[in-house]
Amino acid sequence: MSAQDGYYPGEIPEDVRATIPNFNIPQMINKNYTPDQEGQDIRDEDVVRPHNHKWARADEIATMRALSADRCPTYGSCVKCFRSGPYGRLCSNCNTDNVTLNKNGSHYVILMKESEKYGCAHGVVLDSITLSQICRAGQEIVRADREVRWLRTPMRYYESAMLDRFLNRGEDNRATRAEHARILHEVTDMIDFDD
């Protein structure tokens, strides 16, 4: 396949993008961006995350539009290693081949969890930064000048099986029994919606 067949192995060229109907124009995610921040890490005050550093309900998510053009937290989570990073991008820990467009790679996604307390139709967004700190997975810092052109924000529902796979990865025997217990306790406390 080639560009002549309408297949592009990388990013779609600008002149072709202009001919695609309803193609989203890239826009700056950080609404407080100024040109002097180009290429720099995002400032702490511009990071969008739940106020309680655990989770955010729909009413808080609606207020995120004041800082974020994409109306969601700045950071997402890798569902394999729980590292936090710029949502929608490939995890820098799990994808070492530096492929930028890989449908099968592990991406940073916004993790949600259904809330029985607030009704099954309502979910909460989990704080990816806190989750990565609990799991001691690290963080890839977001750049202030990051643009987005999503048709849909990459999201996924949190499942306890994700954490089980993380804790039981055989390649480096991720955690001792005490470490397993600590992580399970802290994540359970984090996703407790009775706060």
Protein backbone atom coordinates (compact mmCIF):
# COMPACT_ATOMS: atom_id res chain seq x y z
CA MET A 1 0.00 0.00 0.00
CA SER A 2 1.13 3.52 -0.66
CA ALA A 3 -0.01 7.13 -0.52
CA GLN A 4 -1.39 6.65 -4.05
CA ASP A 5 -3.80 4.07 -2.60
CA GLY A 6 -4.96 6.52 0.09
CA TYR A 7 -2.92 4.74 2.79
CA TYR A 8 -0.39 6.76 4.80
CA PRO A 9 1.99 4.83 7.08
CA GLY A 10 2.49 7.86 9.32
CA GLU A 11 0.69 11.14 9.91
CA ILE A 12 -1.70 12.27 7.17
CA PRO A 13 -0.11 15.08 5.12
CA GLU A 14 -1.50 18.59 5.69
CA ASP A 15 -2.78 19.01 2.11
CA VAL A 16 -4.70 15.71 2.35
CA ARG A 17 -6.11 16.58 5.79
CA ALA A 18 -7.62 19.74 4.33
CA THR A 19 -9.74 17.65 1.96
CA ILE A 20 -11.20 15.37 4.65
CA PRO A 21 -14.68 16.54 5.70
CA ASN A 22 -15.20 17.15 9.42
CA PHE A 23 -11.52 16.66 10.16
CA ASN A 24 -10.81 18.33 13.49
CA ILE A 25 -8.38 21.22 13.30
CA PRO A 26 -5.59 20.85 15.90
CA GLN A 27 -6.11 23.08 18.89
CA MET A 28 -3.99 23.86 21.92
CA ILE A 29 -5.09 21.79 24.93
CA ASN A 30 -3.72 24.19 27.55
CA LYS A 31 -5.98 27.26 27.47
CA ASN A 32 -3.41 29.28 29.49
CA TYR A 33 -0.67 28.66 26.91
CA THR A 34 1.50 31.60 25.94
CA PRO A 35 4.10 31.54 23.14
CA ASP A 36 7.00 31.79 25.63
CA GLN A 37 6.10 28.25 26.86
CA GLU A 38 6.81 26.62 23.49
CA GLY A 39 8.65 23.30 23.95
CA GLN A 40 8.61 23.58 27.76
CA ASP A 41 6.97 21.33 30.35
CA ILE A 42 3.47 22.32 31.38
CA ARG A 43 3.34 24.53 34.47
CA ASP A 44 1.96 22.94 37.65
CA GLU A 45 -0.87 25.49 37.82
CA ASP A 46 -2.00 24.51 34.29
CA VAL A 47 -2.24 20.77 35.03
CA VAL A 48 -5.90 19.71 35.09
CA ARG A 49 -6.67 16.98 37.62
CA PRO A 50 -9.36 16.12 40.19
CA HIS A 51 -9.37 18.47 43.18
CA ASN A 52 -9.26 15.64 45.72
CA HIS A 53 -6.37 13.97 43.79
CA LYS A 54 -8.41 10.75 43.63
CA TRP A 55 -11.36 11.07 41.25
CA ALA A 56 -13.75 13.57 39.70
CA ARG A 57 -17.51 13.31 39.19
CA ALA A 58 -19.31 14.68 36.15
CA ASP A 59 -19.93 18.09 37.75
CA GLU A 60 -16.19 18.59 38.35
CA ILE A 61 -15.33 17.27 34.89
CA ALA A 62 -17.61 19.94 33.41
CA THR A 63 -15.53 22.65 35.12
CA MET A 64 -12.31 21.27 33.59
CA ARG A 65 -13.15 23.09 30.36
CA ALA A 66 -11.87 26.31 31.95
CA LEU A 67 -8.27 25.04 31.70
CA SER A 68 -8.42 22.31 29.08
CA ALA A 69 -9.73 22.57 25.52
CA ASP A 70 -10.40 18.83 25.69
CA ARG A 71 -12.40 19.11 28.97
CA CYS A 72 -10.51 16.31 30.71
CA PRO A 73 -7.44 15.79 32.91
CA THR A 74 -4.01 16.57 31.49
CA TYR A 75 -2.61 13.11 32.25
CA GLY A 76 -3.79 9.63 31.37
CA SER A 77 -2.66 6.19 32.58
CA CYS A 78 -1.01 3.31 30.78
CA VAL A 79 -3.18 0.27 31.48
CA LYS A 80 -0.15 -2.04 31.45
CA CYS A 81 2.33 -0.28 33.77
CA PHE A 82 0.18 2.51 35.32
CA ARG A 83 2.72 5.18 34.33
CA SER A 84 1.04 8.55 33.80
CA GLY A 85 1.62 10.68 30.74
CA PRO A 86 -0.01 12.81 28.05
CA TYR A 87 -3.29 11.05 27.30
CA GLY A 88 -3.58 9.64 23.81
CA ARG A 89 0.16 9.18 23.34
CA LEU A 90 1.97 5.87 23.46
CA CYS A 91 3.40 4.94 26.86
CA SER A 92 7.11 5.76 26.86
CA ASN A 93 7.77 2.83 29.20
CA CYS A 94 5.87 0.06 27.38
CA ASN A 95 6.55 1.19 23.79
CA THR A 96 10.30 1.42 23.37
CA ASP A 97 10.25 1.28 19.56
CA ASN A 98 9.18 4.97 19.36
CA VAL A 99 6.33 4.27 16.97
CA THR A 100 4.06 7.32 16.95
CA LEU A 101 0.98 5.79 15.35
CA ASN A 102 0.43 2.27 16.59
CA LYS A 103 -3.09 0.99 17.16
CA ASN A 104 -1.80 -2.01 19.11
CA GLY A 105 0.54 -0.09 21.43
CA SER A 106 -0.23 0.81 25.01
CA HIS A 107 -1.52 4.38 25.13
CA TYR A 108 -2.10 6.74 28.02
CA VAL A 109 -5.88 6.82 28.48
CA ILE A 110 -8.26 8.61 30.81
CA LEU A 111 -9.37 5.93 33.29
CA MET A 112 -12.96 5.95 34.46
CA LYS A 113 -14.77 3.85 37.05
CA GLU A 114 -18.48 3.31 37.38
CA SER A 115 -19.93 4.68 40.58
CA GLU A 116 -22.72 2.79 42.33
CA LYS A 117 -23.14 5.72 44.72
CA TYR A 118 -23.82 8.22 41.93
CA GLY A 119 -25.77 5.81 39.73
CA CYS A 120 -24.54 3.28 37.21
CA ALA A 121 -24.93 5.78 34.37
CA HIS A 122 -22.42 8.04 36.10
CA GLY A 123 -18.75 7.31 36.15
CA VAL A 124 -15.88 9.08 37.79
CA VAL A 125 -12.53 9.95 36.22
CA LEU A 126 -9.55 8.62 38.17
CA ASP A 127 -6.49 10.77 38.90
CA SER A 128 -3.68 9.25 36.81
CA ILE A 129 -0.95 11.11 38.69
CA THR A 130 -1.99 9.68 42.06
CA LEU A 131 -2.41 6.21 40.55
CA SER A 132 1.13 6.28 39.11
CA GLN A 133 2.52 7.50 42.45
CA ILE A 134 0.81 4.65 44.31
CA CYS A 135 2.21 2.11 41.84
CA ARG A 136 5.61 3.88 41.74
CA ALA A 137 5.37 3.74 37.96
CA GLY A 138 6.72 7.18 37.10
CA GLN A 139 5.39 9.97 34.95
CA GLU A 140 6.05 11.37 31.48
CA ILE A 141 5.68 15.15 31.68
CA VAL A 142 3.27 16.86 29.28
CA ARG A 143 4.53 19.73 27.11
CA ALA A 144 2.76 23.09 27.44
CA ASP A 145 2.34 23.48 23.68
CA ARG A 146 0.61 20.13 23.09
CA GLU A 147 -2.16 20.19 20.51
CA VAL A 148 -5.08 17.82 20.16
CA ARG A 149 -7.33 16.83 17.28
CA TRP A 150 -9.35 13.98 18.74
CA LEU A 151 -12.63 12.88 17.33
CA ARG A 152 -13.09 11.28 20.75
CA THR A 153 -10.97 11.52 23.91
CA PRO A 154 -9.22 8.16 24.60
CA MET A 155 -10.93 6.71 27.67
CA ARG A 156 -11.25 3.30 29.25
CA TYR A 157 -13.05 1.88 32.25
CA TYR A 158 -10.82 0.78 35.12
CA GLU A 159 -11.02 -2.92 35.94
CA SER A 160 -9.37 -4.63 38.91
CA ALA A 161 -7.86 -7.13 36.45
CA MET A 162 -5.63 -4.30 35.14
CA LEU A 163 -4.05 -3.90 38.56
CA ASP A 164 -3.74 -7.68 38.98
CA ARG A 165 -1.84 -7.93 35.68
CA PHE A 166 0.44 -5.08 36.75
CA LEU A 167 1.22 -6.66 40.11
CA ASN A 168 1.80 -10.13 38.68
CA ARG A 169 3.99 -9.26 35.71
CA GLY A 170 6.58 -12.02 35.56
CA GLU A 171 9.37 -10.14 33.82
CA ASP A 172 10.65 -8.30 36.87
CA ASN A 173 8.53 -9.72 39.70
CA ARG A 174 7.11 -6.25 40.15
CA ALA A 175 6.34 -6.29 43.85
CA THR A 176 6.84 -8.20 47.05
CA ARG A 177 3.85 -9.48 49.03
CA ALA A 178 3.94 -6.43 51.32
CA GLU A 179 4.20 -4.12 48.31
CA HIS A 180 1.23 -5.90 46.69
CA ALA A 181 -0.83 -5.33 49.84
CA ARG A 182 0.19 -1.66 50.05
CA ILE A 183 -0.71 -0.97 46.41
CA LEU A 184 -4.04 -2.82 46.66
CA HIS A 185 -4.94 -0.97 49.88
CA GLU A 186 -4.03 2.48 48.51
CA VAL A 187 -5.78 1.97 45.15
CA THR A 188 -8.88 0.67 46.93
CA ASP A 189 -8.82 3.74 49.18
CA MET A 190 -8.37 5.99 46.13
CA ILE A 191 -11.40 4.62 44.30
CA ASP A 192 -13.64 4.66 47.38
CA PHE A 193 -16.40 7.10 46.40
CA ASP A 194 -17.74 7.68 49.90
CA ASP A 195 -15.62 10.85 50.30
